[in-house]
């Protein structure tokens, strides 16, 4: 009889998930944002563990906690809080919005995810990509949108039986940026 940890590893492997892939994904996700510190990687691992272990119930609180864990040591003053300022994304300005509005927009994002999941059962790679793009366009946080969004994207991939997809700095990163044009 297999022990529980071995069973879990076999199940995760069948779902195209393993610890080494996730560590590489988190390192590269941080590198896209030019964040290379050990603290950032450790915090990303904590955010990942939380996201993975609680992924059956995506709520505003779930997303805020992922963000809080990601930025807890890098930018503690904004960790787990929606932005209270205008931000520049590429050449586009996202105006300052009241906290209540941003939280409602974040709720609308996860409501759309839950609606699609309920209607379709299993989301396609294209569905998940489009959800990721809409999350990033929402730009709910002053910083950490890309990293939190990529964790959510990866969780959705795994929950829908898709393999972990690592976006490496360079050509893959440039192809990823084209999603948003």
Protein backbone atom coordinates (compact mmCIF):
# COMPACT_ATOMS: atom_id res chain seq x y z
CA UNK A 1 0.00 0.00 0.00
CA UNK A 2 1.32 3.46 -0.96
CA UNK A 3 1.86 6.03 1.73
CA UNK A 4 -0.20 9.21 1.48
CA UNK A 5 2.70 11.46 0.34
CA UNK A 6 3.64 9.09 -2.47
CA UNK A 7 -0.01 8.86 -3.56
CA UNK A 8 -0.19 12.66 -3.60
CA UNK A 9 3.00 12.90 -5.71
CA UNK A 10 1.64 10.36 -8.19
CA UNK A 11 -1.65 12.26 -8.45
CA UNK A 12 0.19 15.57 -8.92
CA UNK A 13 2.39 14.01 -11.62
CA UNK A 14 -0.70 12.74 -13.44
CA UNK A 15 -2.00 16.31 -13.33
CA UNK A 16 1.25 17.61 -14.87
CA UNK A 17 2.32 19.21 -11.60
CA UNK A 18 5.50 18.71 -9.68
CA UNK A 19 7.41 20.77 -7.16
CA UNK A 20 10.38 21.45 -9.44
CA UNK A 21 8.12 22.84 -12.17
CA UNK A 22 6.43 25.14 -9.68
CA UNK A 23 9.72 26.40 -8.28
CA UNK A 24 10.97 27.14 -11.82
CA UNK A 25 7.64 28.80 -12.67
CA UNK A 26 7.85 31.03 -9.57
CA UNK A 27 11.51 31.94 -10.19
CA UNK A 28 10.76 32.89 -13.79
CA UNK A 29 7.56 34.72 -12.87
CA UNK A 30 9.59 36.83 -10.43
CA UNK A 31 12.36 37.30 -13.02
CA UNK A 32 9.84 38.72 -15.50
CA UNK A 33 9.37 41.50 -12.93
CA UNK A 34 13.15 41.72 -12.35
CA UNK A 35 12.75 40.40 -8.83
CA UNK A 36 15.53 37.97 -7.95
CA UNK A 37 15.73 38.01 -4.14
CA UNK A 38 15.53 34.90 -2.00
CA UNK A 39 12.79 36.61 0.06
CA UNK A 40 10.71 37.16 -3.08
CA UNK A 41 11.05 33.51 -4.04
CA UNK A 42 10.25 32.30 -0.52
CA UNK A 43 7.19 34.57 -0.41
CA UNK A 44 6.12 33.38 -3.87
CA UNK A 45 6.34 29.78 -2.62
CA UNK A 46 4.13 30.67 0.35
CA UNK A 47 1.66 32.38 -1.98
CA UNK A 48 1.71 29.33 -4.25
CA UNK A 49 1.11 26.90 -1.37
CA UNK A 50 -1.82 28.98 -0.17
CA UNK A 51 -3.25 29.35 -3.69
CA UNK A 52 -2.92 25.66 -4.47
CA UNK A 53 -4.31 24.43 -1.15
CA UNK A 54 -7.32 26.76 -1.30
CA UNK A 55 -8.01 26.78 -5.03
CA UNK A 56 -11.49 25.30 -4.87
CA UNK A 57 -12.96 28.52 -3.51
CA UNK A 58 -11.75 31.57 -5.42
CA UNK A 59 -12.98 34.75 -3.74
CA UNK A 60 -11.76 38.31 -3.31
CA UNK A 61 -10.23 37.29 0.02
CA UNK A 62 -8.39 34.39 -1.67
CA UNK A 63 -6.86 36.73 -4.27
CA UNK A 64 -5.97 39.37 -1.67
CA UNK A 65 -4.22 36.73 0.43
CA UNK A 66 -2.17 35.52 -2.55
CA UNK A 67 -1.13 39.13 -3.12
CA UNK A 68 -0.39 39.69 0.58
CA UNK A 69 1.84 36.64 0.74
CA UNK A 70 3.69 37.62 -2.46
CA UNK A 71 4.49 41.13 -1.25
CA UNK A 72 4.66 40.62 2.52
CA UNK A 73 8.39 41.44 2.69
CA UNK A 74 8.94 43.28 -0.61
CA UNK A 75 6.23 45.91 -0.14
CA UNK A 76 4.38 45.29 3.14
CA UNK A 77 2.54 48.62 2.98
CA UNK A 78 0.58 47.51 -0.11
CA UNK A 79 0.56 43.74 0.43
CA UNK A 80 -2.96 42.34 0.18
CA UNK A 81 -4.51 45.72 -0.59
CA UNK A 82 -6.02 46.99 -3.82
CA UNK A 83 -4.29 50.04 -5.23
CA UNK A 84 -5.09 53.55 -4.06
CA UNK A 85 -3.32 55.32 -6.90
CA UNK A 86 -3.18 55.62 -10.66
CA UNK A 87 -0.72 53.26 -12.34
CA UNK A 88 1.05 53.18 -15.68
CA UNK A 89 0.95 49.94 -17.67
CA UNK A 90 3.07 50.21 -20.76
CA UNK A 91 1.87 53.50 -22.18
CA UNK A 92 -1.61 53.32 -20.66
CA UNK A 93 -2.65 55.03 -17.45
CA UNK A 94 -5.07 53.21 -15.18
CA UNK A 95 -6.77 55.94 -13.19
CA UNK A 96 -7.14 55.89 -9.45
CA UNK A 97 -10.38 54.23 -8.38
CA UNK A 98 -12.06 53.92 -5.00
CA UNK A 99 -11.24 50.74 -3.10
CA UNK A 100 -14.89 49.69 -3.24
CA UNK A 101 -14.88 49.90 -7.06
CA UNK A 102 -11.67 47.88 -7.42
CA UNK A 103 -12.93 45.21 -5.02
CA UNK A 104 -16.19 45.01 -7.00
CA UNK A 105 -14.25 44.67 -10.27
CA UNK A 106 -12.13 41.92 -8.69
CA UNK A 107 -15.33 40.19 -7.57
CA UNK A 108 -16.71 40.46 -11.11
CA UNK A 109 -13.53 38.80 -12.40
CA UNK A 110 -13.82 35.78 -10.13
CA UNK A 111 -17.61 35.64 -10.68
CA UNK A 112 -16.87 35.29 -14.42
CA UNK A 113 -14.38 32.53 -13.66
CA UNK A 114 -16.86 30.68 -11.44
CA UNK A 115 -19.66 31.12 -14.00
CA UNK A 116 -17.49 29.68 -16.79
CA UNK A 117 -16.40 26.81 -14.54
CA UNK A 118 -20.01 26.03 -13.65
CA UNK A 119 -21.25 26.21 -17.25
CA UNK A 120 -18.40 24.30 -18.87
CA UNK A 121 -17.14 22.11 -16.06
CA UNK A 122 -13.64 22.09 -17.48
CA UNK A 123 -12.12 25.25 -18.93
CA UNK A 124 -10.02 25.23 -22.07
CA UNK A 125 -6.54 26.64 -22.35
CA UNK A 126 -8.02 29.57 -24.33
CA UNK A 127 -10.62 30.24 -21.59
CA UNK A 128 -7.90 30.34 -18.95
CA UNK A 129 -5.68 32.56 -21.08
CA UNK A 130 -8.57 35.01 -21.62
CA UNK A 131 -9.32 35.07 -17.89
CA UNK A 132 -5.66 35.81 -17.20
CA UNK A 133 -5.66 38.65 -19.71
CA UNK A 134 -8.79 40.18 -18.16
CA UNK A 135 -7.24 39.89 -14.68
CA UNK A 136 -4.11 41.70 -15.82
CA UNK A 137 -6.15 44.42 -17.54
CA UNK A 138 -7.98 45.00 -14.26
CA UNK A 139 -4.65 45.94 -12.66
CA UNK A 140 -6.12 45.78 -9.17
CA UNK A 141 -2.86 46.36 -7.29
CA UNK A 142 -0.14 49.02 -7.27
CA UNK A 143 2.40 46.21 -7.76
CA UNK A 144 2.29 42.43 -7.93
CA UNK A 145 -0.44 42.14 -10.56
CA UNK A 146 1.66 40.03 -12.92
CA UNK A 147 2.95 37.66 -10.27
CA UNK A 148 -0.44 37.20 -8.57
CA UNK A 149 -2.13 36.85 -11.96
CA UNK A 150 0.33 34.23 -13.14
CA UNK A 151 -0.23 32.20 -9.96
CA UNK A 152 -3.99 32.33 -10.56
CA UNK A 153 -3.44 31.40 -14.23
CA UNK A 154 -1.29 28.43 -13.26
CA UNK A 155 -3.78 27.27 -10.61
CA UNK A 156 -6.56 27.40 -13.19
CA UNK A 157 -4.41 25.40 -15.62
CA UNK A 158 -3.73 22.69 -13.06
CA UNK A 159 -7.35 22.58 -11.88
CA UNK A 160 -8.41 22.00 -15.48
CA UNK A 161 -5.91 19.23 -16.16
CA UNK A 162 -3.45 21.35 -18.13
CA UNK A 163 0.30 21.14 -17.58
CA UNK A 164 2.34 23.76 -15.79
CA UNK A 165 3.48 26.37 -18.28
CA UNK A 166 6.65 28.26 -17.47
CA UNK A 167 7.26 31.61 -19.12
CA UNK A 168 10.99 32.12 -19.30
CA UNK A 169 12.55 35.56 -19.58
CA UNK A 170 13.36 36.41 -23.18
CA UNK A 171 11.46 35.10 -26.21
CA UNK A 172 8.73 33.38 -24.18
CA UNK A 173 8.28 36.54 -22.13
CA UNK A 174 7.92 38.61 -25.32
CA UNK A 175 5.36 36.14 -26.71
CA UNK A 176 3.49 36.35 -23.39
CA UNK A 177 3.42 40.17 -23.59
CA UNK A 178 1.80 39.91 -27.02
CA UNK A 179 -1.27 38.40 -25.32
CA UNK A 180 -2.01 41.86 -23.98
CA UNK A 181 -1.91 43.74 -27.28
